[in-house]
């Protein structure tokens, strides 16, 4: 299985600081299983790993995982995931919330 991922630093203004996050872009086709997402989160070994699937030009679904299981929603992964997708006003849907995140090259703000 080949997956694309990106490690991003959240809540910082410099590389290799802040809260690290792994953002995994879900492959085309069937969604990854919960077991695969949990194993990948454990393998990456960061506080959170997100699995993102674009659902439109400015919208995406996200699942947020730690090494211990899934979180329905969390702020740090929401900001980092939107920022990793690029500048814009994003609608993020997770199992626990639907939020709007505005991302720019400088960072992201959630409403």
PDB file of N, CA and C in Angstrom:
ATOM      1  N   UNK A   1       0.843  -1.168   0.000  1.00  0.00           N
ATOM      2  CA  UNK A   1       0.000   0.000   0.000  1.00  0.00           C
ATOM      3  C   UNK A   1       0.896   1.242   0.000  1.00  0.00           C
ATOM      4  N   UNK A   2       0.584   2.192  -0.852  1.00  0.00           N
ATOM      5  CA  UNK A   2       1.314   3.448  -0.882  1.00  0.00           C
ATOM      6  C   UNK A   2       0.400   4.569  -0.410  1.00  0.00           C
ATOM      7  N   UNK A   3       0.895   5.344   0.537  1.00  0.00           N
ATOM      8  CA  UNK A   3       0.151   6.475   1.072  1.00  0.00           C
ATOM      9  C   UNK A   3       1.046   7.705   1.049  1.00  0.00           C
ATOM     10  N   UNK A   4       0.442   8.850   0.833  1.00  0.00           N
ATOM     11  CA  UNK A   4       1.169  10.118   0.931  1.00  0.00           C
ATOM     12  C   UNK A   4       0.919  10.689   2.313  1.00  0.00           C
ATOM     13  N   UNK A   5       1.969  11.223   2.908  1.00  0.00           N
ATOM     14  CA  UNK A   5       1.799  11.866   4.199  1.00  0.00           C
ATOM     15  C   UNK A   5       2.738  13.052   4.311  1.00  0.00           C
ATOM     16  N   UNK A   6       2.427  13.891   5.267  1.00  0.00           N
ATOM     17  CA  UNK A   6       3.211  15.088   5.506  1.00  0.00           C
ATOM     18  C   UNK A   6       3.301  15.300   7.006  1.00  0.00           C
ATOM     19  N   UNK A   7       4.484  15.605   7.496  1.00  0.00           N
ATOM     20  CA  UNK A   7       4.662  15.951   8.902  1.00  0.00           C
ATOM     21  C   UNK A   7       4.662  17.479   8.977  1.00  0.00           C
ATOM     22  N   UNK A   8       3.768  18.035   9.783  1.00  0.00           N
ATOM     23  CA  UNK A   8       3.681  19.485   9.925  1.00  0.00           C
ATOM     24  C   UNK A   8       3.840  19.866  11.398  1.00  0.00           C
ATOM     25  N   UNK A   9       4.307  21.080  11.625  1.00  0.00           N
ATOM     26  CA  UNK A   9       4.471  21.617  12.969  1.00  0.00           C
ATOM     27  C   UNK A   9       3.376  22.646  13.213  1.00  0.00           C
ATOM     28  N   UNK A  10       2.595  22.457  14.261  1.00  0.00           N
ATOM     29  CA  UNK A  10       1.464  23.323  14.588  1.00  0.00           C
ATOM     30  C   UNK A  10       1.828  24.143  15.831  1.00  0.00           C
ATOM     31  N   UNK A  11       1.296  25.355  15.910  1.00  0.00           N
ATOM     32  CA  UNK A  11       1.534  26.268  17.040  1.00  0.00           C
ATOM     33  C   UNK A  11       3.003  26.677  17.141  1.00  0.00           C
ATOM     34  N   UNK A  12       3.599  27.016  16.013  1.00  0.00           N
ATOM     35  CA  UNK A  12       4.974  27.488  16.015  1.00  0.00           C
ATOM     36  C   UNK A  12       5.213  28.369  14.799  1.00  0.00           C
ATOM     37  N   UNK A  13       6.292  29.118  14.818  1.00  0.00           N
ATOM     38  CA  UNK A  13       6.667  29.937  13.670  1.00  0.00           C
ATOM     39  C   UNK A  13       8.009  29.498  13.089  1.00  0.00           C
ATOM     40  N   UNK A  14       8.476  28.297  13.486  1.00  0.00           N
ATOM     41  CA  UNK A  14       9.734  27.792  12.938  1.00  0.00           C
ATOM     42  C   UNK A  14       9.674  26.277  12.804  1.00  0.00           C
ATOM     43  N   UNK A  15      10.475  25.726  11.902  1.00  0.00           N
ATOM     44  CA  UNK A  15      10.487  24.275  11.687  1.00  0.00           C
ATOM     45  C   UNK A  15      10.996  23.519  12.913  1.00  0.00           C
ATOM     46  N   UNK A  16      10.538  22.301  13.018  1.00  0.00           N
ATOM     47  CA  UNK A  16      10.974  21.375  14.062  1.00  0.00           C
ATOM     48  C   UNK A  16      10.712  21.901  15.467  1.00  0.00           C
ATOM     49  N   UNK A  17       9.587  22.572  15.622  1.00  0.00           N
ATOM     50  CA  UNK A  17       9.148  23.081  16.921  1.00  0.00           C
ATOM     51  C   UNK A  17       7.627  22.940  16.977  1.00  0.00           C
ATOM     52  N   UNK A  18       7.025  23.297  18.074  1.00  0.00           N
ATOM     53  CA  UNK A  18       5.565  23.217  18.181  1.00  0.00           C
ATOM     54  C   UNK A  18       5.088  21.792  18.352  1.00  0.00           C
ATOM     55  N   UNK A  19       3.846  21.559  17.971  1.00  0.00           N
ATOM     56  CA  UNK A  19       3.231  20.239  18.079  1.00  0.00           C
ATOM     57  C   UNK A  19       3.271  19.559  16.713  1.00  0.00           C
ATOM     58  N   UNK A  20       4.007  18.482  16.618  1.00  0.00           N
ATOM     59  CA  UNK A  20       4.108  17.753  15.353  1.00  0.00           C
ATOM     60  C   UNK A  20       2.813  16.993  15.076  1.00  0.00           C
ATOM     61  N   UNK A  21       2.486  16.886  13.796  1.00  0.00           N
ATOM     62  CA  UNK A  21       1.280  16.196  13.339  1.00  0.00           C
ATOM     63  C   UNK A  21       1.600  15.490  12.036  1.00  0.00           C
ATOM     64  N   UNK A  22       1.121  14.275  11.877  1.00  0.00           N
ATOM     65  CA  UNK A  22       1.239  13.560  10.608  1.00  0.00           C
ATOM     66  C   UNK A  22      -0.114  13.626   9.907  1.00  0.00           C
ATOM     67  N   UNK A  23      -0.111  14.117   8.661  1.00  0.00           N
ATOM     68  CA  UNK A  23      -1.332  14.219   7.860  1.00  0.00           C
ATOM     69  C   UNK A  23      -1.213  13.218   6.715  1.00  0.00           C
ATOM     70  N   UNK A  24      -2.064  12.218   6.715  1.00  0.00           N
ATOM     71  CA  UNK A  24      -2.060  11.175   5.692  1.00  0.00           C
ATOM     72  C   UNK A  24      -3.194  11.460   4.711  1.00  0.00           C
ATOM     73  N   UNK A  25      -2.856  11.509   3.438  1.00  0.00           N
ATOM     74  CA  UNK A  25      -3.872  11.692   2.401  1.00  0.00           C
ATOM     75  C   UNK A  25      -4.428  10.323   2.040  1.00  0.00           C
ATOM     76  N   UNK A  26      -5.725  10.161   2.226  1.00  0.00           N
ATOM     77  CA  UNK A  26      -6.359   8.872   1.957  1.00  0.00           C
ATOM     78  C   UNK A  26      -6.279   8.552   0.466  1.00  0.00           C
ATOM     79  N   UNK A  27      -6.020   7.301   0.147  1.00  0.00           N
ATOM     80  CA  UNK A  27      -5.949   6.910  -1.261  1.00  0.00           C
ATOM     81  C   UNK A  27      -7.331   6.891  -1.899  1.00  0.00           C
ATOM     82  N   UNK A  28      -7.356   6.908  -3.212  1.00  0.00           N
ATOM     83  CA  UNK A  28      -8.618   6.743  -3.943  1.00  0.00           C
ATOM     84  C   UNK A  28      -9.156   5.347  -3.628  1.00  0.00           C
ATOM     85  N   UNK A  29     -10.433   5.190  -3.739  1.00  0.00           N
ATOM     86  CA  UNK A  29     -11.027   3.873  -3.506  1.00  0.00           C
ATOM     87  C   UNK A  29     -11.576   3.758  -2.100  1.00  0.00           C
ATOM     88  N   UNK A  30     -11.681   2.518  -1.627  1.00  0.00           N
ATOM     89  CA  UNK A  30     -12.290   2.310  -0.313  1.00  0.00           C
ATOM     90  C   UNK A  30     -11.476   2.981   0.789  1.00  0.00           C
ATOM     91  N   UNK A  31     -12.156   3.443   1.836  1.00  0.00           N
ATOM     92  CA  UNK A  31     -11.432   4.071   2.941  1.00  0.00           C
ATOM     93  C   UNK A  31     -10.541   3.064   3.658  1.00  0.00           C
ATOM     94  N   UNK A  32      -9.522   3.582   4.320  1.00  0.00           N
ATOM     95  CA  UNK A  32      -8.659   2.723   5.127  1.00  0.00           C
ATOM     96  C   UNK A  32      -9.460   2.171   6.300  1.00  0.00           C
ATOM     97  N   UNK A  33      -9.131   0.983   6.712  1.00  0.00           N
ATOM     98  CA  UNK A  33      -9.820   0.385   7.858  1.00  0.00           C
ATOM     99  C   UNK A  33      -9.342   1.046   9.154  1.00  0.00           C
ATOM    100  N   UNK A  34     -10.164   0.931  10.186  1.00  0.00           N
ATOM    101  CA  UNK A  34      -9.779   1.452  11.492  1.00  0.00           C
ATOM    102  C   UNK A  34      -8.479   0.810  11.964  1.00  0.00           C
ATOM    103  N   UNK A  35      -8.316  -0.485  11.729  1.00  0.00           N
ATOM    104  CA  UNK A  35      -7.090  -1.179  12.144  1.00  0.00           C
ATOM    105  C   UNK A  35      -5.861  -0.593  11.465  1.00  0.00           C
ATOM    106  N   UNK A  36      -5.954  -0.309  10.174  1.00  0.00           N
ATOM    107  CA  UNK A  36      -4.818   0.270   9.446  1.00  0.00           C
ATOM    108  C   UNK A  36      -4.516   1.665   9.973  1.00  0.00           C
ATOM    109  N   UNK A  37      -5.551   2.484  10.193  1.00  0.00           N
ATOM    110  CA  UNK A  37      -5.310   3.835  10.701  1.00  0.00           C
ATOM    111  C   UNK A  37      -4.663   3.797  12.085  1.00  0.00           C
ATOM    112  N   UNK A  38      -5.119   2.909  12.949  1.00  0.00           N
ATOM    113  CA  UNK A  38      -4.529   2.788  14.277  1.00  0.00           C
ATOM    114  C   UNK A  38      -3.070   2.338  14.186  1.00  0.00           C
ATOM    115  N   UNK A  39      -2.794   1.351  13.347  1.00  0.00           N
ATOM    116  CA  UNK A  39      -1.413   0.869  13.193  1.00  0.00           C
ATOM    117  C   UNK A  39      -0.502   1.960  12.641  1.00  0.00           C
ATOM    118  N   UNK A  40      -1.003   2.736  11.676  1.00  0.00           N
ATOM    119  CA  UNK A  40      -0.195   3.832  11.135  1.00  0.00           C
ATOM    120  C   UNK A  40       0.059   4.904  12.188  1.00  0.00           C
ATOM    121  N   UNK A  41      -0.951   5.238  12.982  1.00  0.00           N
ATOM    122  CA  UNK A  41      -0.764   6.223  14.050  1.00  0.00           C
ATOM    123  C   UNK A  41       0.275   5.733  15.051  1.00  0.00           C
ATOM    124  N   UNK A  42       0.231   4.469  15.381  1.00  0.00           N
ATOM    125  CA  UNK A  42       1.239   3.904  16.299  1.00  0.00           C
ATOM    126  C   UNK A  42       2.625   3.919  15.672  1.00  0.00           C
ATOM    127  N   UNK A  43       2.711   3.596  14.397  1.00  0.00           N
ATOM    128  CA  UNK A  43       4.000   3.563  13.700  1.00  0.00           C
ATOM    129  C   UNK A  43       4.628   4.957  13.637  1.00  0.00           C
ATOM    130  N   UNK A  44       3.825   5.969  13.334  1.00  0.00           N
ATOM    131  CA  UNK A  44       4.328   7.338  13.247  1.00  0.00           C
ATOM    132  C   UNK A  44       4.742   7.831  14.633  1.00  0.00           C
ATOM    133  N   UNK A  45       3.982   7.467  15.650  1.00  0.00           N
ATOM    134  CA  UNK A  45       4.311   7.743  17.049  1.00  0.00           C
ATOM    135  C   UNK A  45       4.351   9.240  17.384  1.00  0.00           C
ATOM    136  N   UNK A  46       3.444  10.003  16.794  1.00  0.00           N
ATOM    137  CA  UNK A  46       3.263  11.401  17.174  1.00  0.00           C
ATOM    138  C   UNK A  46       1.996  11.506  18.015  1.00  0.00           C
ATOM    139  N   UNK A  47       1.744  12.674  18.588  1.00  0.00           N
ATOM    140  CA  UNK A  47       0.559  12.789  19.440  1.00  0.00           C
ATOM    141  C   UNK A  47      -0.727  12.532  18.661  1.00  0.00           C
ATOM    142  N   UNK A  48      -0.801  13.003  17.393  1.00  0.00           N
ATOM    143  CA  UNK A  48      -1.947  12.708  16.536  1.00  0.00           C
ATOM    144  C   UNK A  48      -1.513  12.492  15.097  1.00  0.00           C
ATOM    145  N   UNK A  49      -2.315  11.687  14.417  1.00  0.00           N
ATOM    146  CA  UNK A  49      -2.180  11.458  12.977  1.00  0.00           C
ATOM    147  C   UNK A  49      -3.568  11.622  12.381  1.00  0.00           C
ATOM    148  N   UNK A  50      -3.665  12.410  11.305  1.00  0.00           N
ATOM    149  CA  UNK A  50      -4.965  12.580  10.656  1.00  0.00           C
ATOM    150  C   UNK A  50      -4.980  11.865   9.313  1.00  0.00           C
ATOM    151  N   UNK A  51      -6.162  11.418   8.953  1.00  0.00           N
ATOM    152  CA  UNK A  51      -6.400  10.765   7.669  1.00  0.00           C
ATOM    153  C   UNK A  51      -7.464  11.594   6.969  1.00  0.00           C
ATOM    154  N   UNK A  52      -7.069  12.219   5.863  1.00  0.00           N
ATOM    155  CA  UNK A  52      -7.926  13.206   5.219  1.00  0.00           C
ATOM    156  C   UNK A  52      -8.339  12.734   3.828  1.00  0.00           C
ATOM    157  N   UNK A  53      -9.602  12.956   3.514  1.00  0.00           N
ATOM    158  CA  UNK A  53     -10.144  12.622   2.194  1.00  0.00           C
ATOM    159  C   UNK A  53     -10.921  13.833   1.690  1.00  0.00           C
ATOM    160  N   UNK A  54     -10.458  14.396   0.583  1.00  0.00           N
ATOM    161  CA  UNK A  54     -11.136  15.558  -0.007  1.00  0.00           C
ATOM    162  C   UNK A  54     -12.530  15.140  -0.469  1.00  0.00           C
ATOM    163  N   UNK A  55     -13.515  15.992  -0.170  1.00  0.00           N
ATOM    164  CA  UNK A  55     -14.899  15.722  -0.578  1.00  0.00           C
ATOM    165  C   UNK A  55     -15.422  16.801  -1.509  1.00  0.00           C
ATOM    166  N   UNK A  56     -14.616  17.808  -1.781  1.00  0.00           N
ATOM    167  CA  UNK A  56     -15.000  18.916  -2.666  1.00  0.00           C
ATOM    168  C   UNK A  56     -13.832  19.859  -2.819  1.00  0.00           C
ATOM    169  N   UNK A  57     -14.052  20.925  -3.572  1.00  0.00           N
ATOM    170  CA  UNK A  57     -12.979  21.891  -3.798  1.00  0.00           C
ATOM    171  C   UNK A  57     -12.496  22.534  -2.501  1.00  0.00           C
ATOM    172  N   UNK A  58     -13.398  22.715  -1.556  1.00  0.00           N
ATOM    173  CA  UNK A  58     -13.037  23.387  -0.311  1.00  0.00           C
ATOM    174  C   UNK A  58     -13.520  22.622   0.919  1.00  0.00           C
ATOM    175  N   UNK A  59     -13.629  21.305   0.793  1.00  0.00           N
ATOM    176  CA  UNK A  59     -14.154  20.498   1.893  1.00  0.00           C
ATOM    177  C   UNK A  59     -13.424  19.157   1.970  1.00  0.00           C
ATOM    178  N   UNK A  60     -13.381  18.634   3.179  1.00  0.00           N
ATOM    179  CA  UNK A  60     -12.755  17.333   3.378  1.00  0.00           C
ATOM    180  C   UNK A  60     -13.309  16.671   4.636  1.00  0.00           C
ATOM    181  N   UNK A  61     -13.198  15.353   4.663  1.00  0.00           N
ATOM    182  CA  UNK A  61     -13.481  14.562   5.847  1.00  0.00           C
ATOM    183  C   UNK A  61     -12.153  14.222   6.495  1.00  0.00           C
ATOM    184  N   UNK A  62     -12.132  14.175   7.809  1.00  0.00           N
ATOM    185  CA  UNK A  62     -10.902  13.830   8.517  1.00  0.00           C
ATOM    186  C   UNK A  62     -11.219  12.872   9.658  1.00  0.00           C
ATOM    187  N   UNK A  63     -10.315  11.951   9.874  1.00  0.00           N
ATOM    188  CA  UNK A  63     -10.342  11.074  11.045  1.00  0.00           C
ATOM    189  C   UNK A  63      -9.046  11.339  11.800  1.00  0.00           C
ATOM    190  N   UNK A  64      -9.130  11.478  13.110  1.00  0.00           N
ATOM    191  CA  UNK A  64      -7.995  11.848  13.952  1.00  0.00           C
ATOM    192  C   UNK A  64      -7.674  10.677  14.875  1.00  0.00           C
ATOM    193  N   UNK A  65      -6.418  10.238  14.813  1.00  0.00           N
ATOM    194  CA  UNK A  65      -6.003   9.070  15.599  1.00  0.00           C
ATOM    195  C   UNK A  65      -4.788   9.385  16.458  1.00  0.00           C
ATOM    196  N   UNK A  66      -4.750   8.769  17.628  1.00  0.00           N
ATOM    197  CA  UNK A  66      -3.560   8.710  18.469  1.00  0.00           C
ATOM    198  C   UNK A  66      -3.123   7.248  18.474  1.00  0.00           C
ATOM    199  N   UNK A  67      -2.033   6.964  19.137  1.00  0.00           N
ATOM    200  CA  UNK A  67      -1.602   5.570  19.257  1.00  0.00           C
ATOM    201  C   UNK A  67      -2.558   4.723  20.084  1.00  0.00           C
ATOM    202  N   UNK A  68      -3.473   5.378  20.818  1.00  0.00           N
ATOM    203  CA  UNK A  68      -4.429   4.655  21.651  1.00  0.00           C
ATOM    204  C   UNK A  68      -5.816   4.528  21.065  1.00  0.00           C
ATOM    205  N   UNK A  69      -6.095   5.250  19.974  1.00  0.00           N
ATOM    206  CA  UNK A  69      -7.417   5.148  19.371  1.00  0.00           C
ATOM    207  C   UNK A  69      -7.829   6.441  18.692  1.00  0.00           C
ATOM    208  N   UNK A  70      -9.084   6.479  18.263  1.00  0.00           N
ATOM    209  CA  UNK A  70      -9.593   7.616  17.502  1.00  0.00           C
ATOM    210  C   UNK A  70     -10.157   8.696  18.423  1.00  0.00           C
ATOM    211  N   UNK A  71      -9.932   9.953  18.033  1.00  0.00           N
ATOM    212  CA  UNK A  71     -10.542  11.099  18.698  1.00  0.00           C
ATOM    213  C   UNK A  71     -11.650  11.634  17.791  1.00  0.00           C
ATOM    214  N   UNK A  72     -12.815  11.996  18.336  1.00  0.00           N
ATOM    215  CA  UNK A  72     -13.880  12.514  17.479  1.00  0.00           C
ATOM    216  C   UNK A  72     -13.545  13.895  16.914  1.00  0.00           C
ATOM    217  N   UNK A  73     -12.746  14.677  17.664  1.00  0.00           N
ATOM    218  CA  UNK A  73     -12.375  16.025  17.228  1.00  0.00           C
ATOM    219  C   UNK A  73     -11.210  16.485  18.080  1.00  0.00           C
ATOM    220  N   UNK A  74     -10.345  17.309  17.498  1.00  0.00           N
ATOM    221  CA  UNK A  74      -9.253  17.943  18.250  1.00  0.00           C
ATOM    222  C   UNK A  74      -8.778  19.163  17.466  1.00  0.00           C
ATOM    223  N   UNK A  75      -8.414  20.215  18.180  1.00  0.00           N
ATOM    224  CA  UNK A  75      -8.047  21.470  17.548  1.00  0.00           C
ATOM    225  C   UNK A  75      -6.717  21.448  16.811  1.00  0.00           C
ATOM    226  N   UNK A  76      -5.672  20.987  17.470  1.00  0.00           N
ATOM    227  CA  UNK A  76      -4.334  20.961  16.857  1.00  0.00           C
ATOM    228  C   UNK A  76      -4.324  20.189  15.544  1.00  0.00           C
ATOM    229  N   UNK A  77      -4.897  18.997  15.483  1.00  0.00           N
ATOM    230  CA  UNK A  77      -4.928  18.287  14.201  1.00  0.00           C
ATOM    231  C   UNK A  77      -5.820  18.957  13.163  1.00  0.00           C
ATOM    232  N   UNK A  78      -6.875  19.618  13.596  1.00  0.00           N
ATOM    233  CA  UNK A  78      -7.760  20.308  12.641  1.00  0.00           C
ATOM    234  C   UNK A  78      -7.035  21.456  11.959  1.00  0.00           C
ATOM    235  N   UNK A  79      -6.313  22.247  12.726  1.00  0.00           N
ATOM    236  CA  UNK A  79      -5.567  23.369  12.167  1.00  0.00           C
ATOM    237  C   UNK A  79      -4.450  22.883  11.242  1.00  0.00           C
ATOM    238  N   UNK A  80      -3.689  21.912  11.702  1.00  0.00           N
ATOM    239  CA  UNK A  80      -2.575  21.403  10.907  1.00  0.00           C
ATOM    240  C   UNK A  80      -3.012  20.725   9.625  1.00  0.00           C
ATOM    241  N   UNK A  81      -4.125  20.008   9.673  1.00  0.00           N
ATOM    242  CA  UNK A  81      -4.621  19.338   8.471  1.00  0.00           C
ATOM    243  C   UNK A  81      -5.049  20.354   7.421  1.00  0.00           C
ATOM    244  N   UNK A  82      -5.822  21.355   7.827  1.00  0.00           N
ATOM    245  CA  UNK A  82      -6.259  22.383   6.878  1.00  0.00           C
ATOM    246  C   UNK A  82      -5.061  23.110   6.287  1.00  0.00           C
ATOM    247  N   UNK A  83      -4.100  23.472   7.114  1.00  0.00           N
ATOM    248  CA  UNK A  83      -2.913  24.179   6.636  1.00  0.00           C
ATOM    249  C   UNK A  83      -2.153  23.336   5.609  1.00  0.00           C
ATOM    250  N   UNK A  84      -2.080  22.022   5.862  1.00  0.00           N
ATOM    251  CA  UNK A  84      -1.330  21.147   4.943  1.00  0.00           C
ATOM    252  C   UNK A  84      -2.008  21.034   3.580  1.00  0.00           C
ATOM    253  N   UNK A  85      -3.326  21.294   3.518  1.00  0.00           N
ATOM    254  CA  UNK A  85      -4.046  21.243   2.242  1.00  0.00           C
ATOM    255  C   UNK A  85      -3.853  22.507   1.417  1.00  0.00           C
ATOM    256  N   UNK A  86      -3.375  23.573   2.049  1.00  0.00           N
ATOM    257  CA  UNK A  86      -3.090  24.799   1.323  1.00  0.00           C
ATOM    258  C   UNK A  86      -4.028  25.922   1.681  1.00  0.00           C
ATOM    259  N   UNK A  87      -3.699  27.122   1.215  1.00  0.00           N
ATOM    260  CA  UNK A  87      -4.501  28.302   1.544  1.00  0.00           C
ATOM    261  C   UNK A  87      -5.950  28.159   1.067  1.00  0.00           C
ATOM    262  N   UNK A  88      -6.851  28.643   1.896  1.00  0.00           N
ATOM    263  CA  UNK A  88      -8.262  28.634   1.538  1.00  0.00           C
ATOM    264  C   UNK A  88      -9.140  28.553   2.760  1.00  0.00           C
ATOM    265  N   UNK A  89     -10.425  28.605   2.512  1.00  0.00           N
ATOM    266  CA  UNK A  89     -11.436  28.456   3.569  1.00  0.00           C
ATOM    267  C   UNK A  89     -11.983  27.043   3.430  1.00  0.00           C
ATOM    268  N   UNK A  90     -11.685  26.197   4.391  1.00  0.00           N
ATOM    269  CA  UNK A  90     -12.011  24.777   4.332  1.00  0.00           C
ATOM    270  C   UNK A  90     -13.162  24.436   5.263  1.00  0.00           C
ATOM    271  N   UNK A  91     -14.031  23.547   4.815  1.00  0.00           N
ATOM    272  CA  UNK A  91     -15.034  22.948   5.686  1.00  0.00           C
ATOM    273  C   UNK A  91     -14.543  21.553   6.029  1.00  0.00           C
ATOM    274  N   UNK A  92     -14.296  21.349   7.312  1.00  0.00           N
ATOM    275  CA  UNK A  92     -13.791  20.060   7.794  1.00  0.00           C
ATOM    276  C   UNK A  92     -14.903  19.309   8.516  1.00  0.00           C
ATOM    277  N   UNK A  93     -15.107  18.067   8.121  1.00  0.00           N
ATOM    278  CA  UNK A  93     -16.077  17.209   8.783  1.00  0.00           C
ATOM    279  C   UNK A  93     -15.323  16.065   9.450  1.00  0.00           C
ATOM    280  N   UNK A  94     -15.523  15.933  10.758  1.00  0.00           N
ATOM    281  CA  UNK A  94     -14.954  14.823  11.521  1.00  0.00           C
ATOM    282  C   UNK A  94     -16.107  14.151  12.256  1.00  0.00           C
ATOM    283  N   UNK A  95     -15.871  12.989  12.860  1.00  0.00           N
ATOM    284  CA  UNK A  95     -16.970  12.347  13.581  1.00  0.00           C
ATOM    285  C   UNK A  95     -17.574  13.193  14.696  1.00  0.00           C
ATOM    286  N   UNK A  96     -16.812  14.175  15.229  1.00  0.00           N
ATOM    287  CA  UNK A  96     -17.314  14.965  16.343  1.00  0.00           C
ATOM    288  C   UNK A  96     -17.752  16.373  16.031  1.00  0.00           C
ATOM    289  N   UNK A  97     -17.452  16.884  14.825  1.00  0.00           N
ATOM    290  CA  UNK A  97     -17.781  18.284  14.547  1.00  0.00           C
ATOM    291  C   UNK A  97     -17.628  18.602  13.067  1.00  0.00           C
ATOM    292  N   UNK A  98     -18.329  19.640  12.658  1.00  0.00           N
ATOM    293  CA  UNK A  98     -18.109  20.266  11.351  1.00  0.00           C
ATOM    294  C   UNK A  98     -17.649  21.681  11.661  1.00  0.00           C
ATOM    295  N   UNK A  99     -16.460  22.035  11.177  1.00  0.00           N
ATOM    296  CA  UNK A  99     -15.895  23.352  11.456  1.00  0.00           C
ATOM    297  C   UNK A  99     -15.367  23.977  10.171  1.00  0.00           C
ATOM    298  N   UNK A 100     -15.196  25.283  10.217  1.00  0.00           N
ATOM    299  CA  UNK A 100     -14.564  26.015   9.126  1.00  0.00           C
ATOM    300  C   UNK A 100     -13.163  26.393   9.583  1.00  0.00           C
ATOM    301  N   UNK A 101     -12.187  26.126   8.725  1.00  0.00           N
ATOM    302  CA  UNK A 101     -10.803  26.489   9.017  1.00  0.00           C
ATOM    303  C   UNK A 101     -10.287  27.325   7.861  1.00  0.00           C
ATOM    304  N   UNK A 102      -9.780  28.506   8.184  1.00  0.00           N
ATOM    305  CA  UNK A 102      -9.185  29.373   7.175  1.00  0.00           C
ATOM    306  C   UNK A 102      -7.675  29.230   7.266  1.00  0.00           C
ATOM    307  N   UNK A 103      -7.070  28.776   6.167  1.00  0.00           N
ATOM    308  CA  UNK A 103      -5.630  28.534   6.137  1.00  0.00           C
ATOM    309  C   UNK A 103      -4.951  29.517   5.196  1.00  0.00           C
ATOM    310  N   UNK A 104      -3.771  29.954   5.607  1.00  0.00           N
ATOM    311  CA  UNK A 104      -2.917  30.789   4.761  1.00  0.00           C
ATOM    312  C   UNK A 104      -1.507  30.239   4.863  1.00  0.00           C
ATOM    313  N   UNK A 105      -0.590  30.816   4.151  1.00  0.00           N
ATOM    314  CA  UNK A 105       0.796  30.366   4.242  1.00  0.00           C
ATOM    315  C   UNK A 105       1.356  30.585   5.639  1.00  0.00           C
ATOM    316  N   UNK A 106       0.802  31.530   6.386  1.00  0.00           N
ATOM    317  CA  UNK A 106       1.292  31.839   7.730  1.00  0.00           C
ATOM    318  C   UNK A 106       0.683  30.967   8.824  1.00  0.00           C
ATOM    319  N   UNK A 107      -0.444  30.329   8.566  1.00  0.00           N
ATOM    320  CA  UNK A 107      -1.080  29.519   9.597  1.00  0.00           C
ATOM    321  C   UNK A 107      -2.535  29.255   9.296  1.00  0.00           C
ATOM    322  N   UNK A 108      -3.282  28.875  10.343  1.00  0.00           N
ATOM    323  CA  UNK A 108      -4.694  28.544  10.176  1.00  0.00           C
ATOM    324  C   UNK A 108      -5.476  29.009  11.401  1.00  0.00           C
ATOM    325  N   UNK A 109      -6.742  29.380  11.152  1.00  0.00           N
ATOM    326  CA  UNK A 109      -7.650  29.819  12.213  1.00  0.00           C
ATOM    327  C   UNK A 109      -8.956  29.059  12.058  1.00  0.00           C
ATOM    328  N   UNK A 110      -9.483  28.553  13.169  1.00  0.00           N
ATOM    329  CA  UNK A 110     -10.709  27.768  13.133  1.00  0.00           C
ATOM    330  C   UNK A 110     -11.865  28.576  13.693  1.00  0.00           C
ATOM    331  N   UNK A 111     -13.045  28.449  13.026  1.00  0.00           N
ATOM    332  CA  UNK A 111     -14.250  29.092  13.548  1.00  0.00           C
ATOM    333  C   UNK A 111     -15.338  28.056  13.691  1.00  0.00           C
TER     334      UNK A 111
END
